[in-house]
Amino acid sequence: MIAIRTYQHQKWRNIVHSIVLLVAMMMLFFGLGRFLFGPTGSVFMLLAGTLMLLFAPQASMWMTLRMFRARRLSPWDAPDLHAMIETLATRGGLEHVPEIYWVPSAVPNAFAMSGGGRTLVAVSDGLLRLLNGRELAGVLAHEISHIRHGDLFVMSMADMLSRMTALMSDVGWISLLLFLPVSLLYGIDIPWMFILLLMVAPMLSMLLQLALSRTREFDADLGAVELTNDPIGLAHALLKIEQGMRHWWRWILPGSEGMAPSLLRTHPLTSERVERLRSLVGDARGHPLFDDSPIEMPGHPVQERRRWRGIGFWY
């Protein structure tokens, strides 16, 4: 049951928003590069970033899977899960069905990755045991939508632009410090616009990247609804996942979900995502693709052991 007009409106808004944000990041990158190195230098930096974009994903995928101790699931390990992924991938028009990896963690989580011509969806043990079939289908459809829409490449490009902008800013500060004695000795003025650009560019690029990430999350939600015909299933899944990932201070301070400024979040607030999903319930457009039946998983549930990592997350 999908409200067609609301869906199309949200879809186009997300597309326009994504294009504007990505173009803004590129303009900021080229502007700072031209200011520091001239037209040739900024093109050289872009080429270096492109090489990173081409060769880094494979290594990043291997490192991430190893860090999470992820294990690939065969159709014999989880036939229901494989059947669900295959159905969603076929409906999404993917050329290849993504590989499925199991993460031995009680924290409910899922993510998609690509690199070296491969695509995969990783799901935690906690997620598989928390959600029923209808809810799990919504989460998997969300991740497949990221693959289908090219979000993995888009966000890698945004990350590259943000990192290269920060690198150029660092080079600019070092050059400024080296030039400062000469400036003081000979009375050469340093343009304040140059200093302001060095200060603002990295922060602004990061904020644009985060805004792009939030927009792509909204669009993946819409893509999931398109694949499953079921906005309510994904909405229920998001609420369950948020409940399962709550830190201890959120139990003490129930309203602390919104304490982090929205500009600094990679994902929109769950309440906002759920509200948008519920707004899609309306005109009839088919029935939900999956029911509430649980997905059978072999073995015993993984015991929750939260580990603090230096990069700031736990699992």
Protein backbone atom coordinates (compact mmCIF):
# COMPACT_ATOMS: atom_id res chain seq x y z
CA MET A 1 0.00 0.00 0.00
CA ILE A 2 1.92 3.02 -1.28
CA ALA A 3 0.84 6.64 -1.71
CA ILE A 4 2.12 7.12 -5.30
CA ARG A 5 2.18 10.92 -5.39
CA THR A 6 3.96 11.23 -2.05
CA TYR A 7 6.51 8.61 -3.13
CA GLN A 8 7.32 10.42 -6.40
CA HIS A 9 7.59 13.78 -4.65
CA GLN A 10 10.03 12.42 -2.06
CA LYS A 11 12.01 10.61 -4.78
CA TRP A 12 12.58 13.70 -6.91
CA ARG A 13 13.37 15.82 -3.89
CA ASN A 14 16.06 13.35 -2.82
CA ILE A 15 17.58 13.24 -6.33
CA VAL A 16 17.76 17.03 -6.62
CA HIS A 17 19.11 17.35 -3.08
CA SER A 18 21.85 14.78 -3.78
CA ILE A 19 22.93 16.48 -7.02
CA VAL A 20 23.08 19.91 -5.37
CA LEU A 21 25.15 18.62 -2.44
CA LEU A 22 27.61 16.70 -4.64
CA VAL A 23 28.06 19.67 -6.99
CA ALA A 24 28.63 21.95 -3.98
CA MET A 25 31.36 19.61 -2.70
CA MET A 26 33.05 19.57 -6.12
CA MET A 27 32.90 23.37 -6.39
CA LEU A 28 34.45 23.71 -2.94
CA PHE A 29 37.17 21.21 -3.85
CA PHE A 30 38.05 22.93 -7.15
CA GLY A 31 37.80 26.39 -5.59
CA LEU A 32 40.30 25.59 -2.85
CA GLY A 33 42.53 23.69 -5.29
CA ARG A 34 42.58 26.59 -7.75
CA PHE A 35 43.33 29.05 -4.95
CA LEU A 36 46.29 26.96 -3.71
CA PHE A 37 47.74 25.33 -6.81
CA GLY A 38 46.08 26.93 -9.81
CA PRO A 39 43.93 25.09 -12.39
CA THR A 40 46.58 22.45 -13.13
CA GLY A 41 47.12 21.61 -9.46
CA SER A 42 43.43 21.10 -8.71
CA VAL A 43 43.11 18.73 -11.70
CA PHE A 44 46.15 16.79 -10.48
CA MET A 45 44.58 16.45 -7.02
CA LEU A 46 41.35 15.23 -8.60
CA LEU A 47 43.25 12.58 -10.60
CA ALA A 48 45.00 11.42 -7.43
CA GLY A 49 41.65 11.17 -5.67
CA THR A 50 40.17 9.23 -8.59
CA LEU A 51 42.97 6.66 -8.34
CA MET A 52 42.17 6.31 -4.63
CA LEU A 53 38.51 5.85 -5.51
CA LEU A 54 39.30 3.09 -8.00
CA PHE A 55 41.72 1.02 -5.93
CA ALA A 56 40.75 1.66 -2.29
CA PRO A 57 37.30 -0.07 -2.11
CA GLN A 58 38.65 -3.62 -2.41
CA ALA A 59 41.12 -3.13 0.45
CA SER A 60 38.47 -1.32 2.50
CA MET A 61 36.02 -4.20 2.02
CA TRP A 62 38.58 -6.79 3.13
CA MET A 63 39.56 -4.75 6.20
CA THR A 64 35.95 -4.13 7.24
CA LEU A 65 34.92 -7.78 6.94
CA ARG A 66 37.98 -8.84 8.91
CA MET A 67 37.38 -6.22 11.60
CA PHE A 68 33.80 -7.42 12.09
CA ARG A 69 34.90 -11.09 11.87
CA ALA A 70 32.26 -11.55 9.18
CA ARG A 71 31.67 -14.96 7.60
CA ARG A 72 30.08 -15.60 4.24
CA LEU A 73 26.79 -17.49 4.38
CA SER A 74 26.09 -20.13 1.76
CA PRO A 75 22.55 -21.05 0.64
CA TRP A 76 22.86 -24.16 2.84
CA ASP A 77 23.65 -22.03 5.92
CA ALA A 78 20.60 -19.77 5.57
CA PRO A 79 18.28 -20.80 2.71
CA ASP A 80 15.45 -18.44 3.73
CA LEU A 81 17.79 -15.46 3.89
CA HIS A 82 19.29 -16.28 0.50
CA ALA A 83 15.85 -16.65 -1.05
CA MET A 84 14.82 -13.26 0.34
CA ILE A 85 17.97 -11.52 -0.95
CA GLU A 86 17.59 -13.15 -4.36
CA THR A 87 13.96 -12.04 -4.64
CA LEU A 88 14.81 -8.45 -3.70
CA ALA A 89 17.84 -8.33 -6.00
CA THR A 90 15.76 -9.61 -8.91
CA ARG A 91 13.02 -7.05 -8.25
CA GLY A 92 15.70 -4.36 -8.05
CA GLY A 93 17.16 -5.36 -11.40
CA LEU A 94 20.63 -6.14 -10.06
CA GLU A 95 22.88 -8.00 -12.47
CA HIS A 96 24.33 -10.15 -9.70
CA VAL A 97 22.82 -11.23 -6.38
CA PRO A 98 24.88 -9.71 -3.53
CA GLU A 99 26.89 -12.05 -1.36
CA ILE A 100 25.60 -12.44 2.21
CA TYR A 101 27.89 -12.14 5.22
CA TRP A 102 27.03 -12.92 8.83
CA VAL A 103 28.52 -10.75 11.59
CA PRO A 104 28.84 -12.46 15.02
CA SER A 105 27.43 -9.58 17.02
CA ALA A 106 24.33 -9.19 19.18
CA VAL A 107 24.03 -5.54 18.11
CA PRO A 108 21.35 -5.26 15.37
CA ASN A 109 23.10 -3.91 12.29
CA ALA A 110 23.33 -4.30 8.50
CA PHE A 111 25.45 -2.67 5.81
CA ALA A 112 26.25 -2.99 2.11
CA MET A 113 29.67 -2.83 0.45
CA SER A 114 31.14 -3.06 -3.03
CA GLY A 115 34.59 -3.40 -4.53
CA GLY A 116 36.50 -5.38 -7.10
CA GLY A 117 33.32 -6.15 -9.03
CA ARG A 118 31.69 -7.68 -5.93
CA THR A 119 28.73 -6.51 -3.90
CA LEU A 120 27.71 -7.81 -0.51
CA VAL A 121 25.22 -7.29 2.28
CA ALA A 122 26.35 -8.00 5.84
CA VAL A 123 23.85 -8.67 8.63
CA SER A 124 24.51 -9.19 12.31
CA ASP A 125 23.26 -12.14 14.31
CA GLY A 126 21.39 -9.72 16.55
CA LEU A 127 19.48 -8.29 13.59
CA LEU A 128 18.48 -11.70 12.25
CA ARG A 129 17.11 -12.76 15.63
CA LEU A 130 15.43 -9.43 16.42
CA LEU A 131 13.32 -8.93 13.29
CA ASN A 132 10.59 -11.01 11.70
CA GLY A 133 10.58 -11.76 7.98
CA ARG A 134 8.59 -8.70 6.97
CA GLU A 135 10.84 -6.34 8.94
CA LEU A 136 14.06 -8.02 7.83
CA ALA A 137 12.96 -7.75 4.20
CA GLY A 138 12.62 -3.99 4.66
CA VAL A 139 16.16 -3.68 6.04
CA LEU A 140 17.66 -5.89 3.31
CA ALA A 141 15.72 -3.98 0.65
CA HIS A 142 17.14 -0.76 2.08
CA GLU A 143 20.70 -2.08 1.68
CA ILE A 144 20.00 -3.44 -1.81
CA SER A 145 18.60 -0.02 -2.73
CA HIS A 146 21.97 1.51 -1.79
CA ILE A 147 23.60 -0.88 -4.27
CA ARG A 148 20.90 -0.35 -6.89
CA HIS A 149 21.09 3.46 -6.72
CA GLY A 150 24.90 3.55 -6.85
CA ASP A 151 25.04 5.08 -3.37
CA LEU A 152 28.20 3.18 -2.48
CA PHE A 153 30.08 4.88 -5.32
CA VAL A 154 28.46 8.27 -4.67
CA MET A 155 29.38 8.21 -0.98
CA SER A 156 32.90 7.01 -1.80
CA MET A 157 33.24 9.97 -4.16
CA ALA A 158 31.94 12.34 -1.50
CA ASP A 159 34.36 10.87 1.03
CA MET A 160 37.24 11.29 -1.43
CA LEU A 161 36.31 14.93 -2.09
CA SER A 162 36.05 15.62 1.64
CA ARG A 163 39.41 13.98 2.40
CA MET A 164 41.19 15.74 -0.47
CA THR A 165 39.69 19.08 0.57
CA ALA A 166 40.98 18.54 4.12
CA LEU A 167 44.40 17.54 2.74
CA MET A 168 44.61 20.67 0.60
CA SER A 169 43.63 22.76 3.60
CA ASP A 170 46.46 21.20 5.63
CA VAL A 171 48.91 21.92 2.82
CA GLY A 172 47.63 25.49 2.74
CA TRP A 173 48.18 25.95 6.49
CA ILE A 174 51.72 24.56 6.26
CA SER A 175 52.48 26.86 3.33
CA LEU A 176 51.05 29.79 5.26
CA LEU A 177 53.23 29.07 8.30
CA LEU A 178 56.33 28.76 6.13
CA PHE A 179 55.50 32.01 4.35
CA LEU A 180 54.66 33.93 7.54
CA PRO A 181 58.28 35.00 8.40
CA VAL A 182 58.73 36.32 4.85
CA SER A 183 55.43 38.15 5.09
CA LEU A 184 56.41 39.81 8.38
CA LEU A 185 59.92 40.63 7.17
CA TYR A 186 58.90 42.27 3.91
CA GLY A 187 55.47 43.52 4.92
CA ILE A 188 53.57 41.34 2.45
CA ASP A 189 49.87 41.16 3.23
CA ILE A 190 48.21 37.74 3.45
CA PRO A 191 44.65 37.80 2.06
CA TRP A 192 42.10 37.23 4.80
CA MET A 193 39.91 35.43 2.28
CA PHE A 194 42.65 32.82 1.91
CA ILE A 195 42.81 32.25 5.68
CA LEU A 196 39.02 32.10 5.92
CA LEU A 197 38.85 29.56 3.09
CA LEU A 198 41.43 27.35 4.79
CA MET A 199 39.39 27.44 8.00
CA VAL A 200 35.95 26.89 6.50
CA ALA A 201 36.55 24.52 3.57
CA PRO A 202 37.18 21.23 5.48
CA MET A 203 34.28 21.80 7.89
CA LEU A 204 31.89 22.81 5.13
CA SER A 205 32.90 19.80 3.02
CA MET A 206 32.28 17.47 5.96
CA LEU A 207 28.83 18.98 6.58
CA LEU A 208 27.93 18.59 2.91
CA GLN A 209 29.07 14.96 3.02
CA LEU A 210 26.92 14.25 6.08
CA ALA A 211 23.92 15.95 4.47
CA LEU A 212 24.42 13.82 1.35
CA SER A 213 24.56 10.69 3.51
CA ARG A 214 21.25 11.57 5.18
CA THR A 215 19.63 12.20 1.80
CA ARG A 216 20.82 8.87 0.43
CA GLU A 217 19.37 7.14 3.52
CA PHE A 218 15.97 8.68 2.83
CA ASP A 219 16.21 7.56 -0.79
CA ALA A 220 17.20 4.02 0.22
CA ASP A 221 14.10 3.92 2.43
CA LEU A 222 11.99 4.82 -0.59
CA GLY A 223 13.77 2.18 -2.65
CA ALA A 224 13.04 -0.41 0.02
CA VAL A 225 9.35 0.45 -0.08
CA GLU A 226 9.39 0.11 -3.87
CA LEU A 227 10.93 -3.38 -3.62
CA THR A 228 8.73 -4.71 -0.81
CA ASN A 229 5.45 -2.74 -1.20
CA ASP A 230 5.65 -2.39 2.57
CA PRO A 231 6.55 0.93 4.26
CA ILE A 232 5.23 -0.28 7.62
CA GLY A 233 7.54 -3.30 7.72
CA LEU A 234 10.64 -1.10 7.39
CA ALA A 235 9.23 1.45 9.85
CA HIS A 236 8.75 -1.26 12.49
CA ALA A 237 12.26 -2.57 11.80
CA LEU A 238 13.82 0.88 12.30
CA LEU A 239 12.05 1.30 15.64
CA LYS A 240 13.18 -2.15 16.82
CA ILE A 241 16.78 -1.52 15.71
CA GLU A 242 16.89 1.81 17.50
CA GLN A 243 15.57 0.14 20.65
CA GLY A 244 18.18 -2.61 20.35
CA MET A 245 21.07 -0.17 19.85
CA ARG A 246 20.24 2.17 22.70
CA HIS A 247 23.18 3.03 24.91
CA TRP A 248 22.74 3.00 28.65
CA TRP A 249 22.43 6.78 28.87
CA ARG A 250 19.46 6.72 26.51
CA TRP A 251 17.60 4.52 28.98
CA ILE A 252 18.28 7.15 31.66
CA LEU A 253 17.56 10.07 29.30
CA PRO A 254 14.83 8.83 26.93
CA GLY A 255 14.85 12.07 24.93
CA SER A 256 18.57 11.96 24.23
CA GLU A 257 18.17 10.62 20.68
CA GLY A 258 18.06 14.14 19.33
CA MET A 259 20.91 15.50 21.46
CA ALA A 260 23.42 15.26 18.60
CA PRO A 261 22.94 18.19 16.19
CA SER A 262 21.16 17.05 13.04
CA LEU A 263 23.92 18.58 10.90
CA LEU A 264 26.44 16.14 12.41
CA ARG A 265 24.46 12.94 11.87
CA THR A 266 25.16 10.40 9.10
CA HIS A 267 21.58 9.08 9.36
CA PRO A 268 18.35 11.04 9.82
CA LEU A 269 16.50 10.68 13.09
CA THR A 270 14.58 7.41 13.25
CA SER A 271 11.41 9.31 14.11
CA GLU A 272 11.76 11.37 10.93
CA ARG A 273 12.36 8.29 8.79
CA VAL A 274 9.37 6.50 10.31
CA GLU A 275 7.16 9.54 9.75
CA ARG A 276 8.12 9.65 6.07
CA LEU A 277 7.53 5.93 5.68
CA ARG A 278 4.09 6.14 7.27
CA SER A 279 3.19 8.98 4.91
CA LEU A 280 3.59 6.50 2.04
CA VAL A 281 0.73 4.32 3.28
CA GLY A 282 -2.24 5.21 1.11
CA ASP A 283 -3.32 4.29 -2.37
CA ALA A 284 -3.27 0.58 -3.12
CA ARG A 285 -0.23 -0.63 -5.05
CA GLY A 286 0.08 -4.31 -4.30
CA HIS A 287 0.42 -6.16 -1.03
CA PRO A 288 3.54 -6.60 1.14
CA LEU A 289 5.92 -9.07 -0.48
CA PHE A 290 6.84 -10.88 2.75
CA ASP A 291 4.95 -11.93 5.87
CA ASP A 292 5.83 -11.91 9.57
CA SER A 293 7.38 -15.38 9.61
CA PRO A 294 10.81 -15.39 11.30
CA ILE A 295 13.96 -16.29 9.38
CA GLU A 296 15.41 -19.54 10.70
CA MET A 297 19.05 -19.25 11.80
CA PRO A 298 21.16 -22.22 12.94
CA GLY A 299 23.07 -22.24 16.21
CA HIS A 300 22.64 -20.26 19.40
CA PRO A 301 22.29 -16.48 19.60
CA VAL A 302 25.54 -14.56 19.96
CA GLN A 303 25.96 -13.21 23.47
CA GLU A 304 26.14 -9.43 23.65
CA ARG A 305 29.71 -8.28 24.18
CA ARG A 306 30.08 -4.60 23.45
CA ARG A 307 33.62 -3.63 22.60
CA TRP A 308 34.92 -0.12 22.44
CA ARG A 309 37.04 0.56 19.40
CA GLY A 310 39.49 3.37 18.87
CA ILE A 311 37.43 4.64 15.95
CA GLY A 312 34.49 5.11 18.27
CA PHE A 313 31.95 2.35 17.63
CA TRP A 314 31.09 -0.89 19.36
CA TYR A 315 29.66 -4.18 18.26
